Amino acid sequence: MKSLGYLGAFFGGAIAGAVIGLLLAPEKGEDTRTKITDTVEDFMKKHNIKLSRKEVSDLVDDIADVAPEE
């Protein structure tokens, strides 16, 4: 059970790092959000996690809201 926590923390950190990196990239916000949404969807498919596109979009918006502005 403890290893699941470490694994979850690792993947959470990796996703957060990727999202922050994409958010700081010099692209349009809409393009960046689309990339983040696609990346999250690919990750969920790979790990058999079920969320609707709307839920993923909401998650991406929440992440974008807390990310630092440039």
PDB file of N, CA and C in Angstrom:
ATOM      1  N   MET A   1       0.820  -1.192   0.000  1.00  0.00           N
ATOM      2  CA  MET A   1       0.000   0.000   0.000  1.00  0.00           C
ATOM      3  C   MET A   1       0.864   1.256   0.000  1.00  0.00           C
ATOM      4  N   LYS A   2       1.976   1.217   0.713  1.00  0.00           N
ATOM      5  CA  LYS A   2       2.863   2.366   0.780  1.00  0.00           C
ATOM      6  C   LYS A   2       3.476   2.663  -0.587  1.00  0.00           C
ATOM      7  N   SER A   3       3.794   1.611  -1.346  1.00  0.00           N
ATOM      8  CA  SER A   3       4.378   1.825  -2.672  1.00  0.00           C
ATOM      9  C   SER A   3       3.399   2.506  -3.608  1.00  0.00           C
ATOM     10  N   LEU A   4       2.097   2.275  -3.427  1.00  0.00           N
ATOM     11  CA  LEU A   4       1.089   2.946  -4.242  1.00  0.00           C
ATOM     12  C   LEU A   4       1.122   4.445  -3.980  1.00  0.00           C
ATOM     13  N   GLY A   5       1.351   4.841  -2.729  1.00  0.00           N
ATOM     14  CA  GLY A   5       1.453   6.257  -2.395  1.00  0.00           C
ATOM     15  C   GLY A   5       2.663   6.892  -3.049  1.00  0.00           C
ATOM     16  N   TYR A   6       3.795   6.189  -3.042  1.00  0.00           N
ATOM     17  CA  TYR A   6       4.997   6.706  -3.690  1.00  0.00           C
ATOM     18  C   TYR A   6       4.797   6.824  -5.193  1.00  0.00           C
ATOM     19  N   LEU A   7       4.163   5.818  -5.765  1.00  0.00           N
ATOM     20  CA  LEU A   7       3.910   5.818  -7.197  1.00  0.00           C
ATOM     21  C   LEU A   7       2.971   6.963  -7.576  1.00  0.00           C
ATOM     22  N   GLY A   8       1.924   7.147  -6.786  1.00  0.00           N
ATOM     23  CA  GLY A   8       0.985   8.239  -7.036  1.00  0.00           C
ATOM     24  C   GLY A   8       1.663   9.594  -6.919  1.00  0.00           C
ATOM     25  N   ALA A   9       2.531   9.745  -5.907  1.00  0.00           N
ATOM     26  CA  ALA A   9       3.261  11.003  -5.731  1.00  0.00           C
ATOM     27  C   ALA A   9       4.202  11.249  -6.906  1.00  0.00           C
ATOM     28  N   PHE A  10       4.861  10.194  -7.363  1.00  0.00           N
ATOM     29  CA  PHE A  10       5.774  10.326  -8.495  1.00  0.00           C
ATOM     30  C   PHE A  10       5.028  10.789  -9.743  1.00  0.00           C
ATOM     31  N   PHE A  11       3.921  10.099 -10.071  1.00  0.00           N
ATOM     32  CA  PHE A  11       3.170  10.460 -11.271  1.00  0.00           C
ATOM     33  C   PHE A  11       2.525  11.835 -11.122  1.00  0.00           C
ATOM     34  N   GLY A  12       2.045  12.151  -9.926  1.00  0.00           N
ATOM     35  CA  GLY A  12       1.464  13.471  -9.702  1.00  0.00           C
ATOM     36  C   GLY A  12       2.486  14.568  -9.920  1.00  0.00           C
ATOM     37  N   GLY A  13       3.697  14.358  -9.404  1.00  0.00           N
ATOM     38  CA  GLY A  13       4.767  15.334  -9.597  1.00  0.00           C
ATOM     39  C   GLY A  13       5.178  15.453 -11.048  1.00  0.00           C
ATOM     40  N   ALA A  14       5.237  14.313 -11.730  1.00  0.00           N
ATOM     41  CA  ALA A  14       5.619  14.325 -13.143  1.00  0.00           C
ATOM     42  C   ALA A  14       4.577  15.072 -13.981  1.00  0.00           C
ATOM     43  N   ILE A  15       3.316  14.826 -13.701  1.00  0.00           N
ATOM     44  CA  ILE A  15       2.252  15.507 -14.445  1.00  0.00           C
ATOM     45  C   ILE A  15       2.269  16.994 -14.129  1.00  0.00           C
ATOM     46  N   ALA A  16       2.405  17.337 -12.844  1.00  0.00           N
ATOM     47  CA  ALA A  16       2.435  18.757 -12.467  1.00  0.00           C
ATOM     48  C   ALA A  16       3.616  19.466 -13.128  1.00  0.00           C
ATOM     49  N   GLY A  17       4.770  18.832 -13.162  1.00  0.00           N
ATOM     50  CA  GLY A  17       5.936  19.432 -13.806  1.00  0.00           C
ATOM     51  C   GLY A  17       5.723  19.641 -15.294  1.00  0.00           C
ATOM     52  N   ALA A  18       5.131  18.663 -15.935  1.00  0.00           N
ATOM     53  CA  ALA A  18       4.863  18.782 -17.368  1.00  0.00           C
ATOM     54  C   ALA A  18       3.858  19.893 -17.640  1.00  0.00           C
ATOM     55  N   VAL A  19       2.834  19.971 -16.808  1.00  0.00           N
ATOM     56  CA  VAL A  19       1.811  21.003 -16.986  1.00  0.00           C
ATOM     57  C   VAL A  19       2.410  22.390 -16.792  1.00  0.00           C
ATOM     58  N   ILE A  20       3.197  22.561 -15.741  1.00  0.00           N
ATOM     59  CA  ILE A  20       3.815  23.869 -15.500  1.00  0.00           C
ATOM     60  C   ILE A  20       4.760  24.232 -16.643  1.00  0.00           C
ATOM     61  N   GLY A  21       5.508  23.244 -17.135  1.00  0.00           N
ATOM     62  CA  GLY A  21       6.390  23.492 -18.272  1.00  0.00           C
ATOM     63  C   GLY A  21       5.620  23.931 -19.502  1.00  0.00           C
ATOM     64  N   LEU A  22       4.506  23.296 -19.749  1.00  0.00           N
ATOM     65  CA  LEU A  22       3.690  23.685 -20.898  1.00  0.00           C
ATOM     66  C   LEU A  22       3.064  25.060 -20.707  1.00  0.00           C
ATOM     67  N   LEU A  23       2.656  25.346 -19.472  1.00  0.00           N
ATOM     68  CA  LEU A  23       2.031  26.639 -19.211  1.00  0.00           C
ATOM     69  C   LEU A  23       3.023  27.789 -19.363  1.00  0.00           C
ATOM     70  N   LEU A  24       4.282  27.527 -19.112  1.00  0.00           N
ATOM     71  CA  LEU A  24       5.290  28.572 -19.233  1.00  0.00           C
ATOM     72  C   LEU A  24       5.861  28.671 -20.647  1.00  0.00           C
ATOM     73  N   ALA A  25       5.462  27.769 -21.514  1.00  0.00           N
ATOM     74  CA  ALA A  25       5.937  27.780 -22.894  1.00  0.00           C
ATOM     75  C   ALA A  25       5.323  28.970 -23.638  1.00  0.00           C
ATOM     76  N   PRO A  26       6.045  29.532 -24.582  1.00  0.00           N
ATOM     77  CA  PRO A  26       5.549  30.717 -25.297  1.00  0.00           C
ATOM     78  C   PRO A  26       4.566  30.368 -26.416  1.00  0.00           C
ATOM     79  N   GLU A  27       3.404  29.898 -26.039  1.00  0.00           N
ATOM     80  CA  GLU A  27       2.359  29.582 -27.014  1.00  0.00           C
ATOM     81  C   GLU A  27       1.055  30.226 -26.562  1.00  0.00           C
ATOM     82  N   LYS A  28       0.080  30.224 -27.452  1.00  0.00           N
ATOM     83  CA  LYS A  28      -1.241  30.714 -27.095  1.00  0.00           C
ATOM     84  C   LYS A  28      -1.810  29.848 -25.979  1.00  0.00           C
ATOM     85  N   GLY A  29      -2.571  30.447 -25.105  1.00  0.00           N
ATOM     86  CA  GLY A  29      -3.179  29.722 -23.994  1.00  0.00           C
ATOM     87  C   GLY A  29      -4.078  28.588 -24.453  1.00  0.00           C
ATOM     88  N   GLU A  30      -4.842  28.820 -25.495  1.00  0.00           N
ATOM     89  CA  GLU A  30      -5.754  27.795 -26.007  1.00  0.00           C
ATOM     90  C   GLU A  30      -4.977  26.575 -26.512  1.00  0.00           C
ATOM     91  N   ASP A  31      -3.884  26.831 -27.234  1.00  0.00           N
ATOM     92  CA  ASP A  31      -3.053  25.730 -27.735  1.00  0.00           C
ATOM     93  C   ASP A  31      -2.438  24.948 -26.585  1.00  0.00           C
ATOM     94  N   THR A  32      -1.992  25.681 -25.563  1.00  0.00           N
ATOM     95  CA  THR A  32      -1.385  25.032 -24.408  1.00  0.00           C
ATOM     96  C   THR A  32      -2.401  24.183 -23.670  1.00  0.00           C
ATOM     97  N   ARG A  33      -3.606  24.713 -23.452  1.00  0.00           N
ATOM     98  CA  ARG A  33      -4.655  23.940 -22.766  1.00  0.00           C
ATOM     99  C   ARG A  33      -5.013  22.686 -23.553  1.00  0.00           C
ATOM    100  N   THR A  34      -5.040  22.796 -24.876  1.00  0.00           N
ATOM    101  CA  THR A  34      -5.335  21.628 -25.708  1.00  0.00           C
ATOM    102  C   THR A  34      -4.246  20.571 -25.545  1.00  0.00           C
ATOM    103  N   LYS A  35      -2.988  20.994 -25.535  1.00  0.00           N
ATOM    104  CA  LYS A  35      -1.877  20.049 -25.340  1.00  0.00           C
ATOM    105  C   LYS A  35      -1.967  19.376 -23.983  1.00  0.00           C
ATOM    106  N   ILE A  36      -2.273  20.168 -22.945  1.00  0.00           N
ATOM    107  CA  ILE A  36      -2.378  19.601 -21.598  1.00  0.00           C
ATOM    108  C   ILE A  36      -3.517  18.598 -21.546  1.00  0.00           C
ATOM    109  N   THR A  37      -4.660  18.955 -22.110  1.00  0.00           N
ATOM    110  CA  THR A  37      -5.817  18.059 -22.110  1.00  0.00           C
ATOM    111  C   THR A  37      -5.482  16.757 -22.827  1.00  0.00           C
ATOM    112  N   ASP A  38      -4.838  16.847 -23.978  1.00  0.00           N
ATOM    113  CA  ASP A  38      -4.463  15.652 -24.730  1.00  0.00           C
ATOM    114  C   ASP A  38      -3.474  14.789 -23.948  1.00  0.00           C
ATOM    115  N   THR A  39      -2.509  15.436 -23.272  1.00  0.00           N
ATOM    116  CA  THR A  39      -1.522  14.700 -22.484  1.00  0.00           C
ATOM    117  C   THR A  39      -2.184  13.976 -21.318  1.00  0.00           C
ATOM    118  N   VAL A  40      -3.091  14.667 -20.641  1.00  0.00           N
ATOM    119  CA  VAL A  40      -3.798  14.046 -19.514  1.00  0.00           C
ATOM    120  C   VAL A  40      -4.647  12.872 -20.011  1.00  0.00           C
ATOM    121  N   GLU A  41      -5.327  13.044 -21.138  1.00  0.00           N
ATOM    122  CA  GLU A  41      -6.150  11.961 -21.684  1.00  0.00           C
ATOM    123  C   GLU A  41      -5.288  10.750 -22.056  1.00  0.00           C
ATOM    124  N   ASP A  42      -4.129  10.987 -22.669  1.00  0.00           N
ATOM    125  CA  ASP A  42      -3.230   9.885 -23.018  1.00  0.00           C
ATOM    126  C   ASP A  42      -2.768   9.148 -21.767  1.00  0.00           C
ATOM    127  N   PHE A  43      -2.422   9.893 -20.709  1.00  0.00           N
ATOM    128  CA  PHE A  43      -1.992   9.293 -19.447  1.00  0.00           C
ATOM    129  C   PHE A  43      -3.115   8.445 -18.857  1.00  0.00           C
ATOM    130  N   MET A  44      -4.336   8.969 -18.901  1.00  0.00           N
ATOM    131  CA  MET A  44      -5.466   8.238 -18.320  1.00  0.00           C
ATOM    132  C   MET A  44      -5.757   6.964 -19.102  1.00  0.00           C
ATOM    133  N   LYS A  45      -5.667   7.020 -20.420  1.00  0.00           N
ATOM    134  CA  LYS A  45      -5.881   5.822 -21.224  1.00  0.00           C
ATOM    135  C   LYS A  45      -4.826   4.770 -20.910  1.00  0.00           C
ATOM    136  N   LYS A  46      -3.585   5.207 -20.792  1.00  0.00           N
ATOM    137  CA  LYS A  46      -2.483   4.292 -20.514  1.00  0.00           C
ATOM    138  C   LYS A  46      -2.658   3.597 -19.174  1.00  0.00           C
ATOM    139  N   HIS A  47      -3.219   4.316 -18.182  1.00  0.00           N
ATOM    140  CA  HIS A  47      -3.379   3.766 -16.835  1.00  0.00           C
ATOM    141  C   HIS A  47      -4.819   3.366 -16.524  1.00  0.00           C
ATOM    142  N   ASN A  48      -5.662   3.311 -17.550  1.00  0.00           N
ATOM    143  CA  ASN A  48      -7.045   2.852 -17.438  1.00  0.00           C
ATOM    144  C   ASN A  48      -7.833   3.635 -16.389  1.00  0.00           C
ATOM    145  N   ILE A  49      -7.713   4.957 -16.430  1.00  0.00           N
ATOM    146  CA  ILE A  49      -8.460   5.842 -15.539  1.00  0.00           C
ATOM    147  C   ILE A  49      -9.605   6.426 -16.344  1.00  0.00           C
ATOM    148  N   LYS A  50     -10.809   6.351 -15.795  1.00  0.00           N
ATOM    149  CA  LYS A  50     -11.995   6.793 -16.526  1.00  0.00           C
ATOM    150  C   LYS A  50     -12.454   8.172 -16.053  1.00  0.00           C
ATOM    151  N   LEU A  51     -12.342   9.164 -16.917  1.00  0.00           N
ATOM    152  CA  LEU A  51     -12.881  10.503 -16.703  1.00  0.00           C
ATOM    153  C   LEU A  51     -13.432  10.992 -18.039  1.00  0.00           C
ATOM    154  N   SER A  52     -14.479  11.805 -17.975  1.00  0.00           N
ATOM    155  CA  SER A  52     -15.030  12.352 -19.215  1.00  0.00           C
ATOM    156  C   SER A  52     -14.149  13.499 -19.700  1.00  0.00           C
ATOM    157  N   ARG A  53     -14.307  13.866 -20.957  1.00  0.00           N
ATOM    158  CA  ARG A  53     -13.525  14.989 -21.509  1.00  0.00           C
ATOM    159  C   ARG A  53     -13.813  16.261 -20.729  1.00  0.00           C
ATOM    160  N   LYS A  54     -15.048  16.440 -20.289  1.00  0.00           N
ATOM    161  CA  LYS A  54     -15.427  17.622 -19.495  1.00  0.00           C
ATOM    162  C   LYS A  54     -14.670  17.622 -18.167  1.00  0.00           C
ATOM    163  N   GLU A  55     -14.590  16.478 -17.498  1.00  0.00           N
ATOM    164  CA  GLU A  55     -13.862  16.389 -16.237  1.00  0.00           C
ATOM    165  C   GLU A  55     -12.376  16.680 -16.438  1.00  0.00           C
ATOM    166  N   VAL A  56     -11.823  16.176 -17.528  1.00  0.00           N
ATOM    167  CA  VAL A  56     -10.413  16.445 -17.839  1.00  0.00           C
ATOM    168  C   VAL A  56     -10.221  17.931 -18.115  1.00  0.00           C
ATOM    169  N   SER A  57     -11.124  18.521 -18.871  1.00  0.00           N
ATOM    170  CA  SER A  57     -11.044  19.944 -19.182  1.00  0.00           C
ATOM    171  C   SER A  57     -11.125  20.779 -17.905  1.00  0.00           C
ATOM    172  N   ASP A  58     -12.019  20.400 -16.998  1.00  0.00           N
ATOM    173  CA  ASP A  58     -12.131  21.100 -15.714  1.00  0.00           C
ATOM    174  C   ASP A  58     -10.844  20.974 -14.911  1.00  0.00           C
ATOM    175  N   LEU A  59     -10.247  19.780 -14.925  1.00  0.00           N
ATOM    176  CA  LEU A  59      -8.983  19.564 -14.222  1.00  0.00           C
ATOM    177  C   LEU A  59      -7.885  20.452 -14.807  1.00  0.00           C
ATOM    178  N   VAL A  60      -7.814  20.526 -16.118  1.00  0.00           N
ATOM    179  CA  VAL A  60      -6.812  21.367 -16.779  1.00  0.00           C
ATOM    180  C   VAL A  60      -7.037  22.836 -16.425  1.00  0.00           C
ATOM    181  N   ASP A  61      -8.285  23.276 -16.419  1.00  0.00           N
ATOM    182  CA  ASP A  61      -8.589  24.664 -16.055  1.00  0.00           C
ATOM    183  C   ASP A  61      -8.186  24.952 -14.612  1.00  0.00           C
ATOM    184  N   ASP A  62      -8.443  24.008 -13.713  1.00  0.00           N
ATOM    185  CA  ASP A  62      -8.054  24.184 -12.308  1.00  0.00           C
ATOM    186  C   ASP A  62      -6.542  24.311 -12.174  1.00  0.00           C
ATOM    187  N   ILE A  63      -5.809  23.484 -12.911  1.00  0.00           N
ATOM    188  CA  ILE A  63      -4.347  23.546 -12.879  1.00  0.00           C
ATOM    189  C   ILE A  63      -3.869  24.879 -13.437  1.00  0.00           C
ATOM    190  N   ALA A  64      -4.485  25.322 -14.531  1.00  0.00           N
ATOM    191  CA  ALA A  64      -4.089  26.597 -15.141  1.00  0.00           C
ATOM    192  C   ALA A  64      -4.363  27.766 -14.198  1.00  0.00           C
ATOM    193  N   ASP A  65      -5.437  27.678 -13.423  1.00  0.00           N
ATOM    194  CA  ASP A  65      -5.764  28.755 -12.488  1.00  0.00           C
ATOM    195  C   ASP A  65      -4.726  28.928 -11.390  1.00  0.00           C
ATOM    196  N   VAL A  66      -4.128  27.834 -10.952  1.00  0.00           N
ATOM    197  CA  VAL A  66      -3.159  27.930  -9.855  1.00  0.00           C
ATOM    198  C   VAL A  66      -1.716  28.071 -10.353  1.00  0.00           C
ATOM    199  N   ALA A  67      -1.494  27.913 -11.641  1.00  0.00           N
ATOM    200  CA  ALA A  67      -0.145  28.036 -12.190  1.00  0.00           C
ATOM    201  C   ALA A  67       0.270  29.502 -12.210  1.00  0.00           C
ATOM    202  N   PRO A  68       1.556  29.784 -12.024  1.00  0.00           N
ATOM    203  CA  PRO A  68       2.009  31.177 -12.018  1.00  0.00           C
ATOM    204  C   PRO A  68       1.827  31.838 -13.388  1.00  0.00           C
ATOM    205  N   GLU A  69       1.450  33.096 -13.375  1.00  0.00           N
ATOM    206  CA  GLU A  69       1.280  33.859 -14.618  1.00  0.00           C
ATOM    207  C   GLU A  69       2.632  34.424 -15.040  1.00  0.00           C
ATOM    208  N   GLU A  70       2.821  34.567 -16.328  1.00  0.00           N
ATOM    209  CA  GLU A  70       4.065  35.161 -16.843  1.00  0.00           C
ATOM    210  C   GLU A  70       3.912  36.615 -17.058  1.00  0.00           C
TER     211      GLU A  70
END
